[in-house]
């Protein structure tokens, strides 16, 4: 019998998330191009990036202090850039609830880590 490598939950989790994000990106092309759905469609890259950053932030305790500091700096830049793009896109109308929750969750997770909570 061939040797089977042990399952690595972190790798599996990232693989599952990547599959979900890919499905989300594919399904977004079916959204209308105008109105709030059109703005969500335009925000796919920002949404996927913020979800990836949120997930990565939850694994920061696995990094060395130097890697963690660099990771937090990089996360801060990504959060600022992609959250600002979404807010600008939705400047004239309310951000949909799920998207608003994502913005709040990633900001809170980042702030908690940055402030040592």
PDB file of N, CA and C in Angstrom:
ATOM      1  N   UNK A   1       0.848  -1.162   0.000  1.00  0.00           N
ATOM      2  CA  UNK A   1       0.000   0.000   0.000  1.00  0.00           C
ATOM      3  C   UNK A   1       0.905   1.241   0.000  1.00  0.00           C
ATOM      4  N   UNK A   2       0.520   2.248  -0.799  1.00  0.00           N
ATOM      5  CA  UNK A   2       1.297   3.476  -0.909  1.00  0.00           C
ATOM      6  C   UNK A   2       1.170   4.299   0.366  1.00  0.00           C
ATOM      7  N   UNK A   3       2.264   4.991   0.694  1.00  0.00           N
ATOM      8  CA  UNK A   3       2.214   5.889   1.844  1.00  0.00           C
ATOM      9  C   UNK A   3       1.295   7.054   1.527  1.00  0.00           C
ATOM     10  N   UNK A   4       0.461   7.379   2.475  1.00  0.00           N
ATOM     11  CA  UNK A   4      -0.465   8.495   2.323  1.00  0.00           C
ATOM     12  C   UNK A   4       0.012   9.612   3.226  1.00  0.00           C
ATOM     13  N   UNK A   5       0.163  10.800   2.644  1.00  0.00           N
ATOM     14  CA  UNK A   5       0.580  11.933   3.459  1.00  0.00           C
ATOM     15  C   UNK A   5      -0.559  12.330   4.391  1.00  0.00           C
ATOM     16  N   UNK A   6      -0.223  12.737   5.611  1.00  0.00           N
ATOM     17  CA  UNK A   6      -1.280  13.164   6.538  1.00  0.00           C
ATOM     18  C   UNK A   6      -1.977  14.417   6.014  1.00  0.00           C
ATOM     19  N   UNK A   7      -3.242  14.527   6.335  1.00  0.00           N
ATOM     20  CA  UNK A   7      -4.000  15.715   5.950  1.00  0.00           C
ATOM     21  C   UNK A   7      -3.537  16.891   6.795  1.00  0.00           C
ATOM     22  N   UNK A   8      -3.380  18.017   6.153  1.00  0.00           N
ATOM     23  CA  UNK A   8      -2.996  19.231   6.867  1.00  0.00           C
ATOM     24  C   UNK A   8      -4.184  20.169   6.842  1.00  0.00           C
ATOM     25  N   UNK A   9      -4.872  20.324   7.981  1.00  0.00           N
ATOM     26  CA  UNK A   9      -6.100  21.130   8.018  1.00  0.00           C
ATOM     27  C   UNK A   9      -5.937  22.538   7.467  1.00  0.00           C
ATOM     28  N   UNK A  10      -4.795  23.198   7.752  1.00  0.00           N
ATOM     29  CA  UNK A  10      -4.624  24.567   7.253  1.00  0.00           C
ATOM     30  C   UNK A  10      -4.593  24.604   5.734  1.00  0.00           C
ATOM     31  N   UNK A  11      -3.896  23.667   5.138  1.00  0.00           N
ATOM     32  CA  UNK A  11      -3.863  23.620   3.678  1.00  0.00           C
ATOM     33  C   UNK A  11      -5.237  23.292   3.112  1.00  0.00           C
ATOM     34  N   UNK A  12      -5.927  22.362   3.744  1.00  0.00           N
ATOM     35  CA  UNK A  12      -7.268  22.016   3.278  1.00  0.00           C
ATOM     36  C   UNK A  12      -8.201  23.206   3.408  1.00  0.00           C
ATOM     37  N   UNK A  13      -8.091  23.934   4.503  1.00  0.00           N
ATOM     38  CA  UNK A  13      -8.959  25.085   4.715  1.00  0.00           C
ATOM     39  C   UNK A  13      -8.721  26.121   3.626  1.00  0.00           C
ATOM     40  N   UNK A  14      -7.454  26.425   3.334  1.00  0.00           N
ATOM     41  CA  UNK A  14      -7.154  27.397   2.282  1.00  0.00           C
ATOM     42  C   UNK A  14      -7.644  26.900   0.934  1.00  0.00           C
ATOM     43  N   UNK A  15      -7.508  25.586   0.681  1.00  0.00           N
ATOM     44  CA  UNK A  15      -7.977  25.027  -0.594  1.00  0.00           C
ATOM     45  C   UNK A  15      -9.492  25.148  -0.714  1.00  0.00           C
ATOM     46  N   UNK A  16     -10.197  24.883   0.367  1.00  0.00           N
ATOM     47  CA  UNK A  16     -11.652  25.004   0.364  1.00  0.00           C
ATOM     48  C   UNK A  16     -12.065  26.451   0.165  1.00  0.00           C
ATOM     49  N   UNK A  17     -11.394  27.357   0.861  1.00  0.00           N
ATOM     50  CA  UNK A  17     -11.704  28.779   0.697  1.00  0.00           C
ATOM     51  C   UNK A  17     -11.423  29.244  -0.726  1.00  0.00           C
ATOM     52  N   UNK A  18     -10.319  28.812  -1.295  1.00  0.00           N
ATOM     53  CA  UNK A  18     -10.008  29.183  -2.670  1.00  0.00           C
ATOM     54  C   UNK A  18     -11.093  28.685  -3.619  1.00  0.00           C
ATOM     55  N   UNK A  19     -11.560  27.484  -3.401  1.00  0.00           N
ATOM     56  CA  UNK A  19     -12.643  26.947  -4.232  1.00  0.00           C
ATOM     57  C   UNK A  19     -13.913  27.781  -4.072  1.00  0.00           C
ATOM     58  N   UNK A  20     -14.232  28.165  -2.849  1.00  0.00           N
ATOM     59  CA  UNK A  20     -15.420  29.000  -2.620  1.00  0.00           C
ATOM     60  C   UNK A  20     -15.270  30.361  -3.278  1.00  0.00           C
ATOM     61  N   UNK A  21     -14.093  30.967  -3.170  1.00  0.00           N
ATOM     62  CA  UNK A  21     -13.866  32.279  -3.767  1.00  0.00           C
ATOM     63  C   UNK A  21     -13.932  32.199  -5.287  1.00  0.00           C
ATOM     64  N   UNK A  22     -13.416  31.095  -5.839  1.00  0.00           N
ATOM     65  CA  UNK A  22     -13.482  30.899  -7.289  1.00  0.00           C
ATOM     66  C   UNK A  22     -14.933  30.762  -7.735  1.00  0.00           C
ATOM     67  N   UNK A  23     -15.713  29.992  -6.996  1.00  0.00           N
ATOM     68  CA  UNK A  23     -17.143  29.855  -7.313  1.00  0.00           C
ATOM     69  C   UNK A  23     -17.855  31.204  -7.211  1.00  0.00           C
ATOM     70  N   UNK A  24     -17.528  31.965  -6.181  1.00  0.00           N
ATOM     71  CA  UNK A  24     -18.132  33.282  -6.007  1.00  0.00           C
ATOM     72  C   UNK A  24     -17.805  34.182  -7.196  1.00  0.00           C
ATOM     73  N   UNK A  25     -16.552  34.185  -7.609  1.00  0.00           N
ATOM     74  CA  UNK A  25     -16.137  35.020  -8.738  1.00  0.00           C
ATOM     75  C   UNK A  25     -16.859  34.596 -10.014  1.00  0.00           C
ATOM     76  N   UNK A  26     -16.986  33.298 -10.220  1.00  0.00           N
ATOM     77  CA  UNK A  26     -17.705  32.807 -11.409  1.00  0.00           C
ATOM     78  C   UNK A  26     -19.170  33.206 -11.376  1.00  0.00           C
ATOM     79  N   UNK A  27     -19.790  33.076 -10.225  1.00  0.00           N
ATOM     80  CA  UNK A  27     -21.219  33.386 -10.129  1.00  0.00           C
ATOM     81  C   UNK A  27     -21.484  34.886 -10.246  1.00  0.00           C
ATOM     82  N   UNK A  28     -20.497  35.701  -9.889  1.00  0.00           N
ATOM     83  CA  UNK A  28     -20.683  37.151  -9.928  1.00  0.00           C
ATOM     84  C   UNK A  28     -20.871  37.678 -11.341  1.00  0.00           C
ATOM     85  N   UNK A  29     -20.387  36.951 -12.331  1.00  0.00           N
ATOM     86  CA  UNK A  29     -20.564  37.422 -13.714  1.00  0.00           C
ATOM     87  C   UNK A  29     -22.035  37.384 -14.121  1.00  0.00           C
ATOM     88  N   UNK A  30     -22.843  36.653 -13.388  1.00  0.00           N
ATOM     89  CA  UNK A  30     -24.274  36.597 -13.687  1.00  0.00           C
ATOM     90  C   UNK A  30     -25.037  37.762 -13.067  1.00  0.00           C
ATOM     91  N   UNK A  31     -24.393  38.520 -12.198  1.00  0.00           N
ATOM     92  CA  UNK A  31     -25.064  39.668 -11.578  1.00  0.00           C
ATOM     93  C   UNK A  31     -25.298  40.757 -12.620  1.00  0.00           C
ATOM     94  N   UNK A  32     -26.373  41.498 -12.460  1.00  0.00           N
ATOM     95  CA  UNK A  32     -26.592  42.632 -13.365  1.00  0.00           C
ATOM     96  C   UNK A  32     -25.414  43.605 -13.288  1.00  0.00           C
ATOM     97  N   UNK A  33     -25.246  44.379 -14.328  1.00  0.00           N
ATOM     98  CA  UNK A  33     -24.127  45.319 -14.365  1.00  0.00           C
ATOM     99  C   UNK A  33     -24.478  46.690 -13.805  1.00  0.00           C
ATOM    100  N   UNK A  34     -25.731  46.901 -13.427  1.00  0.00           N
ATOM    101  CA  UNK A  34     -26.153  48.201 -12.914  1.00  0.00           C
ATOM    102  C   UNK A  34     -26.750  48.049 -11.515  1.00  0.00           C
ATOM    103  N   UNK A  35     -26.897  49.170 -10.844  1.00  0.00           N
ATOM    104  CA  UNK A  35     -27.490  49.176  -9.503  1.00  0.00           C
ATOM    105  C   UNK A  35     -26.575  48.522  -8.489  1.00  0.00           C
ATOM    106  N   UNK A  36     -27.137  48.230  -7.321  1.00  0.00           N
ATOM    107  CA  UNK A  36     -26.359  47.614  -6.238  1.00  0.00           C
ATOM    108  C   UNK A  36     -25.727  46.287  -6.663  1.00  0.00           C
ATOM    109  N   UNK A  37     -26.468  45.408  -7.404  1.00  0.00           N
ATOM    110  CA  UNK A  37     -25.827  44.173  -7.846  1.00  0.00           C
ATOM    111  C   UNK A  37     -24.611  44.441  -8.741  1.00  0.00           C
ATOM    112  N   UNK A  38     -24.695  45.457  -9.565  1.00  0.00           N
ATOM    113  CA  UNK A  38     -23.567  45.818 -10.411  1.00  0.00           C
ATOM    114  C   UNK A  38     -22.370  46.287  -9.600  1.00  0.00           C
ATOM    115  N   UNK A  39     -22.650  46.999  -8.512  1.00  0.00           N
ATOM    116  CA  UNK A  39     -21.569  47.452  -7.633  1.00  0.00           C
ATOM    117  C   UNK A  39     -20.928  46.278  -6.903  1.00  0.00           C
ATOM    118  N   UNK A  40     -21.742  45.291  -6.517  1.00  0.00           N
ATOM    119  CA  UNK A  40     -21.190  44.076  -5.908  1.00  0.00           C
ATOM    120  C   UNK A  40     -20.330  43.356  -6.941  1.00  0.00           C
ATOM    121  N   UNK A  41     -20.825  43.267  -8.155  1.00  0.00           N
ATOM    122  CA  UNK A  41     -20.067  42.624  -9.233  1.00  0.00           C
ATOM    123  C   UNK A  41     -18.711  43.314  -9.415  1.00  0.00           C
ATOM    124  N   UNK A  42     -18.689  44.624  -9.378  1.00  0.00           N
ATOM    125  CA  UNK A  42     -17.444  45.371  -9.522  1.00  0.00           C
ATOM    126  C   UNK A  42     -16.522  45.197  -8.311  1.00  0.00           C
ATOM    127  N   UNK A  43     -17.077  44.734  -7.212  1.00  0.00           N
ATOM    128  CA  UNK A  43     -16.329  44.615  -5.955  1.00  0.00           C
ATOM    129  C   UNK A  43     -15.795  43.218  -5.692  1.00  0.00           C
ATOM    130  N   UNK A  44     -15.941  42.305  -6.625  1.00  0.00           N
ATOM    131  CA  UNK A  44     -15.557  40.908  -6.387  1.00  0.00           C
ATOM    132  C   UNK A  44     -14.109  40.791  -5.926  1.00  0.00           C
ATOM    133  N   UNK A  45     -13.196  41.439  -6.617  1.00  0.00           N
ATOM    134  CA  UNK A  45     -11.786  41.353  -6.228  1.00  0.00           C
ATOM    135  C   UNK A  45     -11.579  41.894  -4.817  1.00  0.00           C
ATOM    136  N   UNK A  46     -12.235  43.001  -4.506  1.00  0.00           N
ATOM    137  CA  UNK A  46     -12.110  43.586  -3.166  1.00  0.00           C
ATOM    138  C   UNK A  46     -12.683  42.652  -2.106  1.00  0.00           C
ATOM    139  N   UNK A  47     -13.816  42.056  -2.389  1.00  0.00           N
ATOM    140  CA  UNK A  47     -14.467  41.146  -1.436  1.00  0.00           C
ATOM    141  C   UNK A  47     -13.582  39.939  -1.169  1.00  0.00           C
ATOM    142  N   UNK A  48     -13.078  39.315  -2.225  1.00  0.00           N
ATOM    143  CA  UNK A  48     -12.235  38.133  -2.059  1.00  0.00           C
ATOM    144  C   UNK A  48     -10.956  38.487  -1.301  1.00  0.00           C
ATOM    145  N   UNK A  49     -10.359  39.611  -1.619  1.00  0.00           N
ATOM    146  CA  UNK A  49      -9.141  40.024  -0.919  1.00  0.00           C
ATOM    147  C   UNK A  49      -9.409  40.244   0.563  1.00  0.00           C
ATOM    148  N   UNK A  50     -10.497  40.937   0.883  1.00  0.00           N
ATOM    149  CA  UNK A  50     -10.814  41.184   2.295  1.00  0.00           C
ATOM    150  C   UNK A  50     -11.128  39.890   3.034  1.00  0.00           C
ATOM    151  N   UNK A  51     -11.802  38.955   2.391  1.00  0.00           N
ATOM    152  CA  UNK A  51     -12.063  37.665   3.034  1.00  0.00           C
ATOM    153  C   UNK A  51     -10.761  36.915   3.287  1.00  0.00           C
ATOM    154  N   UNK A  52      -9.852  36.949   2.320  1.00  0.00           N
ATOM    155  CA  UNK A  52      -8.561  36.278   2.489  1.00  0.00           C
ATOM    156  C   UNK A  52      -7.756  36.923   3.617  1.00  0.00           C
ATOM    157  N   UNK A  53      -7.757  38.248   3.677  1.00  0.00           N
ATOM    158  CA  UNK A  53      -7.041  38.949   4.737  1.00  0.00           C
ATOM    159  C   UNK A  53      -7.649  38.609   6.094  1.00  0.00           C
ATOM    160  N   UNK A  54      -8.979  38.613   6.174  1.00  0.00           N
ATOM    161  CA  UNK A  54      -9.641  38.277   7.445  1.00  0.00           C
ATOM    162  C   UNK A  54      -9.235  36.885   7.906  1.00  0.00           C
ATOM    163  N   UNK A  55      -9.238  35.939   6.985  1.00  0.00           N
ATOM    164  CA  UNK A  55      -8.871  34.575   7.353  1.00  0.00           C
ATOM    165  C   UNK A  55      -7.406  34.502   7.775  1.00  0.00           C
ATOM    166  N   UNK A  56      -6.534  35.163   7.035  1.00  0.00           N
ATOM    167  CA  UNK A  56      -5.109  35.150   7.370  1.00  0.00           C
ATOM    168  C   UNK A  56      -4.854  35.794   8.734  1.00  0.00           C
ATOM    169  N   UNK A  57      -5.568  36.863   9.032  1.00  0.00           N
ATOM    170  CA  UNK A  57      -5.399  37.523  10.331  1.00  0.00           C
ATOM    171  C   UNK A  57      -5.711  36.568  11.480  1.00  0.00           C
ATOM    172  N   UNK A  58      -6.644  35.679  11.256  1.00  0.00           N
ATOM    173  CA  UNK A  58      -7.024  34.735  12.308  1.00  0.00           C
ATOM    174  C   UNK A  58      -5.934  33.700  12.562  1.00  0.00           C
ATOM    175  N   UNK A  59      -4.928  33.646  11.691  1.00  0.00           N
ATOM    176  CA  UNK A  59      -3.830  32.694  11.864  1.00  0.00           C
ATOM    177  C   UNK A  59      -2.513  33.380  12.216  1.00  0.00           C
ATOM    178  N   UNK A  60      -2.564  34.632  12.594  1.00  0.00           N
ATOM    179  CA  UNK A  60      -1.361  35.403  12.884  1.00  0.00           C
ATOM    180  C   UNK A  60      -0.564  34.845  14.061  1.00  0.00           C
ATOM    181  N   UNK A  61      -1.231  34.172  14.981  1.00  0.00           N
ATOM    182  CA  UNK A  61      -0.526  33.653  16.143  1.00  0.00           C
ATOM    183  C   UNK A  61       0.471  32.556  15.773  1.00  0.00           C
ATOM    184  N   UNK A  62       0.405  32.058  14.551  1.00  0.00           N
ATOM    185  CA  UNK A  62       1.329  31.024  14.095  1.00  0.00           C
ATOM    186  C   UNK A  62       2.634  31.614  13.561  1.00  0.00           C
ATOM    187  N   UNK A  63       2.724  32.936  13.477  1.00  0.00           N
ATOM    188  CA  UNK A  63       3.891  33.594  12.903  1.00  0.00           C
ATOM    189  C   UNK A  63       4.857  34.062  13.979  1.00  0.00           C
ATOM    190  N   UNK A  64       6.112  34.230  13.574  1.00  0.00           N
ATOM    191  CA  UNK A  64       7.097  34.829  14.482  1.00  0.00           C
ATOM    192  C   UNK A  64       6.730  36.301  14.676  1.00  0.00           C
ATOM    193  N   UNK A  65       7.338  36.941  15.653  1.00  0.00           N
ATOM    194  CA  UNK A  65       7.040  38.352  15.914  1.00  0.00           C
ATOM    195  C   UNK A  65       7.329  39.222  14.692  1.00  0.00           C
ATOM    196  N   UNK A  66       8.463  38.972  14.031  1.00  0.00           N
ATOM    197  CA  UNK A  66       8.828  39.773  12.852  1.00  0.00           C
ATOM    198  C   UNK A  66       7.831  39.545  11.714  1.00  0.00           C
ATOM    199  N   UNK A  67       7.479  38.283  11.479  1.00  0.00           N
ATOM    200  CA  UNK A  67       6.518  37.982  10.421  1.00  0.00           C
ATOM    201  C   UNK A  67       5.151  38.564  10.751  1.00  0.00           C
ATOM    202  N   UNK A  68       4.808  38.508  12.018  1.00  0.00           N
ATOM    203  CA  UNK A  68       3.509  39.043  12.442  1.00  0.00           C
ATOM    204  C   UNK A  68       3.443  40.554  12.217  1.00  0.00           C
ATOM    205  N   UNK A  69       4.509  41.269  12.568  1.00  0.00           N
ATOM    206  CA  UNK A  69       4.539  42.723  12.373  1.00  0.00           C
ATOM    207  C   UNK A  69       4.414  43.056  10.883  1.00  0.00           C
ATOM    208  N   UNK A  70       5.148  42.344  10.048  1.00  0.00           N
ATOM    209  CA  UNK A  70       5.076  42.590   8.618  1.00  0.00           C
ATOM    210  C   UNK A  70       3.692  42.210   8.084  1.00  0.00           C
ATOM    211  N   UNK A  71       3.150  41.102   8.564  1.00  0.00           N
ATOM    212  CA  UNK A  71       1.818  40.667   8.146  1.00  0.00           C
ATOM    213  C   UNK A  71       0.738  41.665   8.519  1.00  0.00           C
ATOM    214  N   UNK A  72       0.837  42.224   9.718  1.00  0.00           N
ATOM    215  CA  UNK A  72      -0.134  43.233  10.150  1.00  0.00           C
ATOM    216  C   UNK A  72      -0.033  44.494   9.302  1.00  0.00           C
ATOM    217  N   UNK A  73       1.208  44.903   8.989  1.00  0.00           N
ATOM    218  CA  UNK A  73       1.381  46.081   8.132  1.00  0.00           C
ATOM    219  C   UNK A  73       0.769  45.843   6.756  1.00  0.00           C
ATOM    220  N   UNK A  74       1.058  44.688   6.192  1.00  0.00           N
ATOM    221  CA  UNK A  74       0.530  44.359   4.870  1.00  0.00           C
ATOM    222  C   UNK A  74      -0.993  44.253   4.908  1.00  0.00           C
ATOM    223  N   UNK A  75      -1.518  43.636   5.956  1.00  0.00           N
ATOM    224  CA  UNK A  75      -2.973  43.514   6.100  1.00  0.00           C
ATOM    225  C   UNK A  75      -3.612  44.889   6.188  1.00  0.00           C
ATOM    226  N   UNK A  76      -2.998  45.787   6.943  1.00  0.00           N
ATOM    227  CA  UNK A  76      -3.534  47.135   7.072  1.00  0.00           C
ATOM    228  C   UNK A  76      -3.630  47.852   5.737  1.00  0.00           C
ATOM    229  N   UNK A  77      -2.604  47.708   4.915  1.00  0.00           N
ATOM    230  CA  UNK A  77      -2.606  48.334   3.592  1.00  0.00           C
ATOM    231  C   UNK A  77      -3.715  47.736   2.724  1.00  0.00           C
ATOM    232  N   UNK A  78      -3.818  46.417   2.723  1.00  0.00           N
ATOM    233  CA  UNK A  78      -4.847  45.756   1.907  1.00  0.00           C
ATOM    234  C   UNK A  78      -6.257  46.116   2.366  1.00  0.00           C
ATOM    235  N   UNK A  79      -6.460  46.124   3.673  1.00  0.00           N
ATOM    236  CA  UNK A  79      -7.783  46.476   4.200  1.00  0.00           C
ATOM    237  C   UNK A  79      -8.138  47.900   3.804  1.00  0.00           C
ATOM    238  N   UNK A  80      -7.207  48.818   4.007  1.00  0.00           N
ATOM    239  CA  UNK A  80      -7.476  50.214   3.665  1.00  0.00           C
ATOM    240  C   UNK A  80      -7.817  50.351   2.182  1.00  0.00           C
ATOM    241  N   UNK A  81      -7.004  49.761   1.320  1.00  0.00           N
ATOM    242  CA  UNK A  81      -7.190  49.896  -0.126  1.00  0.00           C
ATOM    243  C   UNK A  81      -8.524  49.301  -0.592  1.00  0.00           C
ATOM    244  N   UNK A  82      -8.819  48.090  -0.174  1.00  0.00           N
ATOM    245  CA  UNK A  82     -10.005  47.408  -0.697  1.00  0.00           C
ATOM    246  C   UNK A  82     -11.297  47.873  -0.024  1.00  0.00           C
ATOM    247  N   UNK A  83     -11.239  48.216   1.253  1.00  0.00           N
ATOM    248  CA  UNK A  83     -12.422  48.766   1.916  1.00  0.00           C
ATOM    249  C   UNK A  83     -12.752  50.146   1.347  1.00  0.00           C
ATOM    250  N   UNK A  84     -11.710  50.943   1.088  1.00  0.00           N
ATOM    251  CA  UNK A  84     -11.937  52.272   0.500  1.00  0.00           C
ATOM    252  C   UNK A  84     -12.550  52.159  -0.887  1.00  0.00           C
ATOM    253  N   UNK A  85     -12.112  51.186  -1.669  1.00  0.00           N
ATOM    254  CA  UNK A  85     -12.672  50.990  -3.014  1.00  0.00           C
ATOM    255  C   UNK A  85     -14.156  50.637  -2.932  1.00  0.00           C
ATOM    256  N   UNK A  86     -14.513  49.778  -1.995  1.00  0.00           N
ATOM    257  CA  UNK A  86     -15.921  49.397  -1.828  1.00  0.00           C
ATOM    258  C   UNK A  86     -16.740  50.595  -1.368  1.00  0.00           C
ATOM    259  N   UNK A  87     -16.250  51.315  -0.374  1.00  0.00           N
ATOM    260  CA  UNK A  87     -16.991  52.477   0.127  1.00  0.00           C
ATOM    261  C   UNK A  87     -17.172  53.536  -0.960  1.00  0.00           C
ATOM    262  N   UNK A  88     -16.155  53.740  -1.765  1.00  0.00           N
ATOM    263  CA  UNK A  88     -16.263  54.714  -2.861  1.00  0.00           C
ATOM    264  C   UNK A  88     -17.284  54.255  -3.892  1.00  0.00           C
ATOM    265  N   UNK A  89     -17.290  52.984  -4.188  1.00  0.00           N
ATOM    266  CA  UNK A  89     -18.231  52.441  -5.159  1.00  0.00           C
ATOM    267  C   UNK A  89     -19.674  52.606  -4.690  1.00  0.00           C
ATOM    268  N   UNK A  90     -19.887  52.441  -3.400  1.00  0.00           N
ATOM    269  CA  UNK A  90     -21.235  52.518  -2.832  1.00  0.00           C
ATOM    270  C   UNK A  90     -21.510  53.890  -2.214  1.00  0.00           C
ATOM    271  N   UNK A  91     -20.786  54.897  -2.619  1.00  0.00           N
ATOM    272  CA  UNK A  91     -20.895  56.226  -2.006  1.00  0.00           C
ATOM    273  C   UNK A  91     -22.312  56.781  -2.037  1.00  0.00           C
ATOM    274  N   UNK A  92     -23.069  56.457  -3.079  1.00  0.00           N
ATOM    275  CA  UNK A  92     -24.407  57.028  -3.241  1.00  0.00           C
ATOM    276  C   UNK A  92     -25.537  56.121  -2.764  1.00  0.00           C
ATOM    277  N   UNK A  93     -25.203  54.968  -2.211  1.00  0.00           N
ATOM    278  CA  UNK A  93     -26.239  54.064  -1.715  1.00  0.00           C
ATOM    279  C   UNK A  93     -25.684  53.188  -0.604  1.00  0.00           C
ATOM    280  N   UNK A  94     -26.579  52.580   0.172  1.00  0.00           N
ATOM    281  CA  UNK A  94     -26.130  51.763   1.300  1.00  0.00           C
ATOM    282  C   UNK A  94     -25.356  50.528   0.827  1.00  0.00           C
ATOM    283  N   UNK A  95     -24.340  50.185   1.590  1.00  0.00           N
ATOM    284  CA  UNK A  95     -23.593  48.957   1.322  1.00  0.00           C
ATOM    285  C   UNK A  95     -24.470  47.793   1.782  1.00  0.00           C
ATOM    286  N   UNK A  96     -24.639  46.754   0.950  1.00  0.00           N
ATOM    287  CA  UNK A  96     -25.454  45.596   1.353  1.00  0.00           C
ATOM    288  C   UNK A  96     -24.955  44.994   2.668  1.00  0.00           C
ATOM    289  N   UNK A  97     -25.887  44.447   3.435  1.00  0.00           N
ATOM    290  CA  UNK A  97     -25.604  43.945   4.778  1.00  0.00           C
ATOM    291  C   UNK A  97     -24.437  42.988   4.884  1.00  0.00           C
ATOM    292  N   UNK A  98     -24.369  41.972   4.027  1.00  0.00           N
ATOM    293  CA  UNK A  98     -23.276  41.002   4.108  1.00  0.00           C
ATOM    294  C   UNK A  98     -21.929  41.661   3.836  1.00  0.00           C
ATOM    295  N   UNK A  99     -21.923  42.572   2.902  1.00  0.00           N
ATOM    296  CA  UNK A  99     -20.693  43.280   2.568  1.00  0.00           C
ATOM    297  C   UNK A  99     -20.297  44.232   3.694  1.00  0.00           C
ATOM    298  N   UNK A 100     -21.263  44.894   4.285  1.00  0.00           N
ATOM    299  CA  UNK A 100     -21.007  45.767   5.432  1.00  0.00           C
ATOM    300  C   UNK A 100     -20.443  44.950   6.596  1.00  0.00           C
ATOM    301  N   UNK A 101     -20.990  43.761   6.813  1.00  0.00           N
ATOM    302  CA  UNK A 101     -20.493  42.873   7.873  1.00  0.00           C
ATOM    303  C   UNK A 101     -19.045  42.459   7.619  1.00  0.00           C
ATOM    304  N   UNK A 102     -18.726  42.158   6.365  1.00  0.00           N
ATOM    305  CA  UNK A 102     -17.339  41.802   6.026  1.00  0.00           C
ATOM    306  C   UNK A 102     -16.398  42.960   6.358  1.00  0.00           C
ATOM    307  N   UNK A 103     -16.778  44.163   5.970  1.00  0.00           N
ATOM    308  CA  UNK A 103     -15.943  45.336   6.260  1.00  0.00           C
ATOM    309  C   UNK A 103     -15.746  45.502   7.766  1.00  0.00           C
ATOM    310  N   UNK A 104     -16.808  45.333   8.531  1.00  0.00           N
ATOM    311  CA  UNK A 104     -16.728  45.474   9.987  1.00  0.00           C
ATOM    312  C   UNK A 104     -15.884  44.357  10.602  1.00  0.00           C
ATOM    313  N   UNK A 105     -16.093  43.124  10.140  1.00  0.00           N
ATOM    314  CA  UNK A 105     -15.369  41.981  10.710  1.00  0.00           C
ATOM    315  C   UNK A 105     -13.868  42.074  10.465  1.00  0.00           C
ATOM    316  N   UNK A 106     -13.485  42.402   9.242  1.00  0.00           N
ATOM    317  CA  UNK A 106     -12.056  42.471   8.941  1.00  0.00           C
ATOM    318  C   UNK A 106     -11.416  43.640   9.689  1.00  0.00           C
ATOM    319  N   UNK A 107     -12.104  44.753   9.799  1.00  0.00           N
ATOM    320  CA  UNK A 107     -11.565  45.900  10.529  1.00  0.00           C
ATOM    321  C   UNK A 107     -11.415  45.578  12.015  1.00  0.00           C
ATOM    322  N   UNK A 108     -12.407  44.932  12.602  1.00  0.00           N
ATOM    323  CA  UNK A 108     -12.352  44.578  14.024  1.00  0.00           C
ATOM    324  C   UNK A 108     -11.229  43.573  14.300  1.00  0.00           C
ATOM    325  N   UNK A 109     -11.127  42.565  13.460  1.00  0.00           N
ATOM    326  CA  UNK A 109     -10.075  41.561  13.648  1.00  0.00           C
ATOM    327  C   UNK A 109      -8.704  42.215  13.568  1.00  0.00           C
ATOM    328  N   UNK A 110      -8.528  43.073  12.579  1.00  0.00           N
ATOM    329  CA  UNK A 110      -7.260  43.791  12.420  1.00  0.00           C
ATOM    330  C   UNK A 110      -6.980  44.682  13.633  1.00  0.00           C
ATOM    331  N   UNK A 111      -7.967  45.472  14.032  1.00  0.00           N
ATOM    332  CA  UNK A 111      -7.791  46.377  15.167  1.00  0.00           C
ATOM    333  C   UNK A 111      -7.470  45.614  16.442  1.00  0.00           C
ATOM    334  N   UNK A 112      -8.157  44.506  16.669  1.00  0.00           N
ATOM    335  CA  UNK A 112      -7.897  43.692  17.857  1.00  0.00           C
ATOM    336  C   UNK A 112      -6.449  43.192  17.880  1.00  0.00           C
ATOM    337  N   UNK A 113      -5.968  42.719  16.729  1.00  0.00           N
ATOM    338  CA  UNK A 113      -4.593  42.235  16.664  1.00  0.00           C
ATOM    339  C   UNK A 113      -3.587  43.374  16.809  1.00  0.00           C
ATOM    340  N   UNK A 114      -3.869  44.460  16.163  1.00  0.00           N
ATOM    341  CA  UNK A 114      -2.951  45.624  16.205  1.00  0.00           C
ATOM    342  C   UNK A 114      -2.846  46.171  17.632  1.00  0.00           C
ATOM    343  N   UNK A 115      -3.958  46.119  18.362  1.00  0.00           N
ATOM    344  CA  UNK A 115      -3.994  46.647  19.728  1.00  0.00           C
ATOM    345  C   UNK A 115      -3.695  45.592  20.786  1.00  0.00           C
ATOM    346  N   UNK A 116      -3.334  44.395  20.346  1.00  0.00           N
ATOM    347  CA  UNK A 116      -2.953  43.341  21.277  1.00  0.00           C
ATOM    348  C   UNK A 116      -4.092  42.691  22.021  1.00  0.00           C
ATOM    349  N   UNK A 117      -5.308  42.834  21.510  1.00  0.00           N
ATOM    350  CA  UNK A 117      -6.469  42.236  22.207  1.00  0.00           C
ATOM    351  C   UNK A 117      -6.548  40.740  21.961  1.00  0.00           C
TER     352      UNK A 117
END
